[in-house]
Amino acid sequence: MPKPAEYRENAALCLEAMRAAESPEVKESLQSLAQRWIDLADRDERNTGRGERGGGRPDQAPQRDAPQWQRF
């Protein structure tokens, strides 16, 4: 599994745990962590030229057609 896909899977796991958490502080921390994983995946795709989201060009912003679990 490529790194960006692993990062996005980690983000999905964070969001799944966030939904199960009861503490608002824990929910907030998990949401923040999930966003960091997503940001890392986006940056890795832009820097390596992989994936459709960044197109491999540093001057091109990532596309915003992300899966629903990535939208907050």
N, C-alpha and C. Protein backbone atom coordinates (compact mmCIF):
# COMPACT_ATOMS: atom_id res chain seq x y z
N MET A 1 0.86 -1.18 0.00
CA MET A 1 0.00 0.00 0.00
C MET A 1 0.90 1.23 0.00
N PRO A 2 0.68 2.15 -0.93
CA PRO A 2 1.49 3.37 -0.97
C PRO A 2 1.30 4.21 0.28
N LYS A 3 2.30 5.03 0.58
CA LYS A 3 2.24 5.84 1.79
C LYS A 3 0.99 6.72 1.88
N PRO A 4 0.63 7.48 0.84
CA PRO A 4 -0.57 8.32 0.98
C PRO A 4 -1.82 7.51 1.34
N ALA A 5 -1.94 6.34 0.78
CA ALA A 5 -3.11 5.50 1.09
C ALA A 5 -3.06 5.05 2.55
N GLU A 6 -1.87 4.75 3.05
CA GLU A 6 -1.73 4.38 4.46
C GLU A 6 -2.11 5.56 5.36
N TYR A 7 -1.67 6.74 4.98
CA TYR A 7 -1.98 7.94 5.77
C TYR A 7 -3.50 8.17 5.82
N ARG A 8 -4.14 8.00 4.67
CA ARG A 8 -5.60 8.20 4.62
C ARG A 8 -6.33 7.12 5.43
N GLU A 9 -5.80 5.92 5.43
CA GLU A 9 -6.39 4.86 6.26
C GLU A 9 -6.24 5.22 7.74
N ASN A 10 -5.09 5.74 8.12
CA ASN A 10 -4.90 6.18 9.51
C ASN A 10 -5.90 7.28 9.86
N ALA A 11 -6.13 8.20 8.94
CA ALA A 11 -7.10 9.27 9.17
C ALA A 11 -8.50 8.67 9.37
N ALA A 12 -8.85 7.70 8.56
CA ALA A 12 -10.16 7.07 8.69
C ALA A 12 -10.30 6.38 10.05
N LEU A 13 -9.23 5.75 10.51
CA LEU A 13 -9.27 5.10 11.82
C LEU A 13 -9.44 6.13 12.94
N CYS A 14 -8.77 7.27 12.80
CA CYS A 14 -8.92 8.34 13.79
C CYS A 14 -10.37 8.83 13.84
N LEU A 15 -10.97 9.00 12.67
CA LEU A 15 -12.34 9.49 12.63
C LEU A 15 -13.33 8.46 13.17
N GLU A 16 -13.03 7.20 12.93
CA GLU A 16 -13.87 6.13 13.49
C GLU A 16 -13.80 6.15 15.02
N ALA A 17 -12.59 6.29 15.54
CA ALA A 17 -12.42 6.38 17.00
C ALA A 17 -13.07 7.64 17.55
N MET A 18 -13.00 8.73 16.79
CA MET A 18 -13.60 9.99 17.21
C MET A 18 -15.11 9.82 17.40
N ARG A 19 -15.74 9.13 16.47
CA ARG A 19 -17.19 8.91 16.56
C ARG A 19 -17.56 8.08 17.79
N ALA A 20 -16.66 7.20 18.21
CA ALA A 20 -16.94 6.34 19.36
C ALA A 20 -16.58 7.01 20.69
N ALA A 21 -15.76 8.05 20.64
CA ALA A 21 -15.30 8.71 21.86
C ALA A 21 -16.44 9.48 22.52
N GLU A 22 -16.39 9.56 23.82
CA GLU A 22 -17.40 10.29 24.57
C GLU A 22 -16.91 11.66 25.01
N SER A 23 -15.64 11.78 25.27
CA SER A 23 -15.07 13.03 25.76
C SER A 23 -14.89 14.03 24.62
N PRO A 24 -15.37 15.26 24.79
CA PRO A 24 -15.17 16.28 23.75
C PRO A 24 -13.68 16.55 23.47
N GLU A 25 -12.85 16.47 24.49
CA GLU A 25 -11.42 16.70 24.31
C GLU A 25 -10.80 15.60 23.45
N VAL A 26 -11.22 14.36 23.69
CA VAL A 26 -10.71 13.24 22.91
C VAL A 26 -11.20 13.35 21.46
N LYS A 27 -12.47 13.69 21.28
CA LYS A 27 -13.01 13.87 19.93
C LYS A 27 -12.22 14.93 19.16
N GLU A 28 -11.95 16.05 19.83
CA GLU A 28 -11.21 17.13 19.19
C GLU A 28 -9.79 16.70 18.82
N SER A 29 -9.14 15.98 19.72
CA SER A 29 -7.78 15.51 19.46
C SER A 29 -7.74 14.54 18.29
N LEU A 30 -8.70 13.63 18.25
CA LEU A 30 -8.73 12.65 17.16
C LEU A 30 -9.05 13.31 15.82
N GLN A 31 -9.91 14.31 15.82
CA GLN A 31 -10.22 15.02 14.59
C GLN A 31 -8.97 15.76 14.10
N SER A 32 -8.26 16.38 15.01
CA SER A 32 -7.03 17.09 14.65
C SER A 32 -5.99 16.12 14.10
N LEU A 33 -5.87 14.98 14.74
CA LEU A 33 -4.91 13.98 14.27
C LEU A 33 -5.29 13.47 12.88
N ALA A 34 -6.58 13.23 12.66
CA ALA A 34 -7.04 12.79 11.34
C ALA A 34 -6.70 13.83 10.28
N GLN A 35 -6.90 15.09 10.59
CA GLN A 35 -6.58 16.14 9.62
C GLN A 35 -5.09 16.18 9.32
N ARG A 36 -4.27 15.93 10.32
CA ARG A 36 -2.81 15.89 10.09
C ARG A 36 -2.43 14.75 9.17
N TRP A 37 -3.07 13.58 9.35
CA TRP A 37 -2.81 12.46 8.44
C TRP A 37 -3.20 12.81 7.01
N ILE A 38 -4.34 13.47 6.85
CA ILE A 38 -4.80 13.86 5.52
C ILE A 38 -3.83 14.87 4.90
N ASP A 39 -3.41 15.84 5.69
CA ASP A 39 -2.45 16.83 5.20
C ASP A 39 -1.15 16.16 4.78
N LEU A 40 -0.70 15.18 5.57
CA LEU A 40 0.53 14.47 5.24
C LEU A 40 0.37 13.71 3.92
N ALA A 41 -0.77 13.06 3.73
CA ALA A 41 -1.01 12.34 2.48
C ALA A 41 -1.01 13.30 1.29
N ASP A 42 -1.69 14.44 1.45
CA ASP A 42 -1.73 15.44 0.38
C ASP A 42 -0.32 15.94 0.04
N ARG A 43 0.45 16.24 1.07
CA ARG A 43 1.81 16.76 0.86
C ARG A 43 2.68 15.70 0.19
N ASP A 44 2.57 14.45 0.63
CA ASP A 44 3.37 13.38 0.03
C ASP A 44 3.01 13.21 -1.44
N GLU A 45 1.73 13.28 -1.76
CA GLU A 45 1.31 13.15 -3.16
C GLU A 45 1.85 14.30 -4.01
N ARG A 46 1.80 15.51 -3.47
CA ARG A 46 2.33 16.66 -4.23
C ARG A 46 3.83 16.54 -4.43
N ASN A 47 4.54 16.12 -3.39
CA ASN A 47 6.00 16.06 -3.46
C ASN A 47 6.53 14.92 -4.31
N THR A 48 5.78 13.85 -4.42
CA THR A 48 6.25 12.70 -5.18
C THR A 48 5.61 12.60 -6.55
N GLY A 49 4.59 13.45 -6.80
CA GLY A 49 3.93 13.41 -8.10
C GLY A 49 2.95 12.26 -8.24
N ARG A 50 2.62 11.62 -7.10
CA ARG A 50 1.68 10.50 -7.14
C ARG A 50 0.27 11.02 -6.89
N GLY A 51 -0.67 10.23 -7.34
CA GLY A 51 -2.06 10.51 -7.01
C GLY A 51 -2.69 11.57 -7.88
N GLU A 52 -3.99 11.65 -7.77
CA GLU A 52 -4.76 12.60 -8.56
C GLU A 52 -4.97 13.90 -7.83
N ARG A 53 -4.82 13.90 -6.50
CA ARG A 53 -5.21 15.06 -5.71
C ARG A 53 -4.32 16.26 -5.96
N GLY A 54 -3.02 16.06 -6.11
CA GLY A 54 -2.14 17.21 -6.28
C GLY A 54 -1.61 17.36 -7.68
N GLY A 55 -1.77 16.34 -8.50
CA GLY A 55 -1.30 16.41 -9.86
C GLY A 55 0.22 16.43 -9.98
N GLY A 56 0.94 16.35 -8.84
CA GLY A 56 2.38 16.31 -8.90
C GLY A 56 3.03 17.65 -9.13
N ARG A 57 2.26 18.72 -9.18
CA ARG A 57 2.82 20.05 -9.39
C ARG A 57 2.69 20.85 -8.11
N PRO A 58 3.81 21.36 -7.59
CA PRO A 58 3.74 22.09 -6.33
C PRO A 58 2.88 23.35 -6.39
N ASP A 59 2.70 23.92 -7.60
CA ASP A 59 1.91 25.14 -7.72
C ASP A 59 0.42 24.85 -7.90
N GLN A 60 0.05 23.59 -7.86
CA GLN A 60 -1.35 23.21 -8.07
C GLN A 60 -1.94 22.75 -6.74
N ALA A 61 -3.04 23.37 -6.32
CA ALA A 61 -3.69 23.03 -5.07
C ALA A 61 -4.35 21.66 -5.18
N PRO A 62 -4.46 20.93 -4.06
CA PRO A 62 -5.14 19.64 -4.09
C PRO A 62 -6.61 19.81 -4.46
N GLN A 63 -7.14 18.82 -5.14
CA GLN A 63 -8.55 18.84 -5.50
C GLN A 63 -9.39 18.63 -4.25
N ARG A 64 -10.59 19.14 -4.26
CA ARG A 64 -11.46 19.03 -3.10
C ARG A 64 -12.58 18.02 -3.30
N ASP A 65 -12.29 16.97 -4.06
CA ASP A 65 -13.28 15.92 -4.24
C ASP A 65 -12.94 14.73 -3.34
N ALA A 66 -12.53 15.03 -2.13
CA ALA A 66 -12.11 14.01 -1.17
C ALA A 66 -13.30 13.17 -0.73
N PRO A 67 -13.03 11.92 -0.34
CA PRO A 67 -14.11 11.09 0.19
C PRO A 67 -14.77 11.75 1.39
N GLN A 68 -15.99 11.32 1.67
CA GLN A 68 -16.78 11.95 2.72
C GLN A 68 -16.09 11.89 4.08
N TRP A 69 -15.34 10.83 4.39
CA TRP A 69 -14.72 10.74 5.71
C TRP A 69 -13.64 11.78 5.89
N GLN A 70 -13.22 12.42 4.80
CA GLN A 70 -12.19 13.46 4.92
C GLN A 70 -12.79 14.84 5.10
N ARG A 71 -14.08 14.96 4.97
CA ARG A 71 -14.73 16.28 5.11
C ARG A 71 -15.17 16.46 6.55
N PHE A 72 -14.82 17.57 7.13
CA PHE A 72 -15.18 17.84 8.53
C PHE A 72 -16.26 18.88 8.60
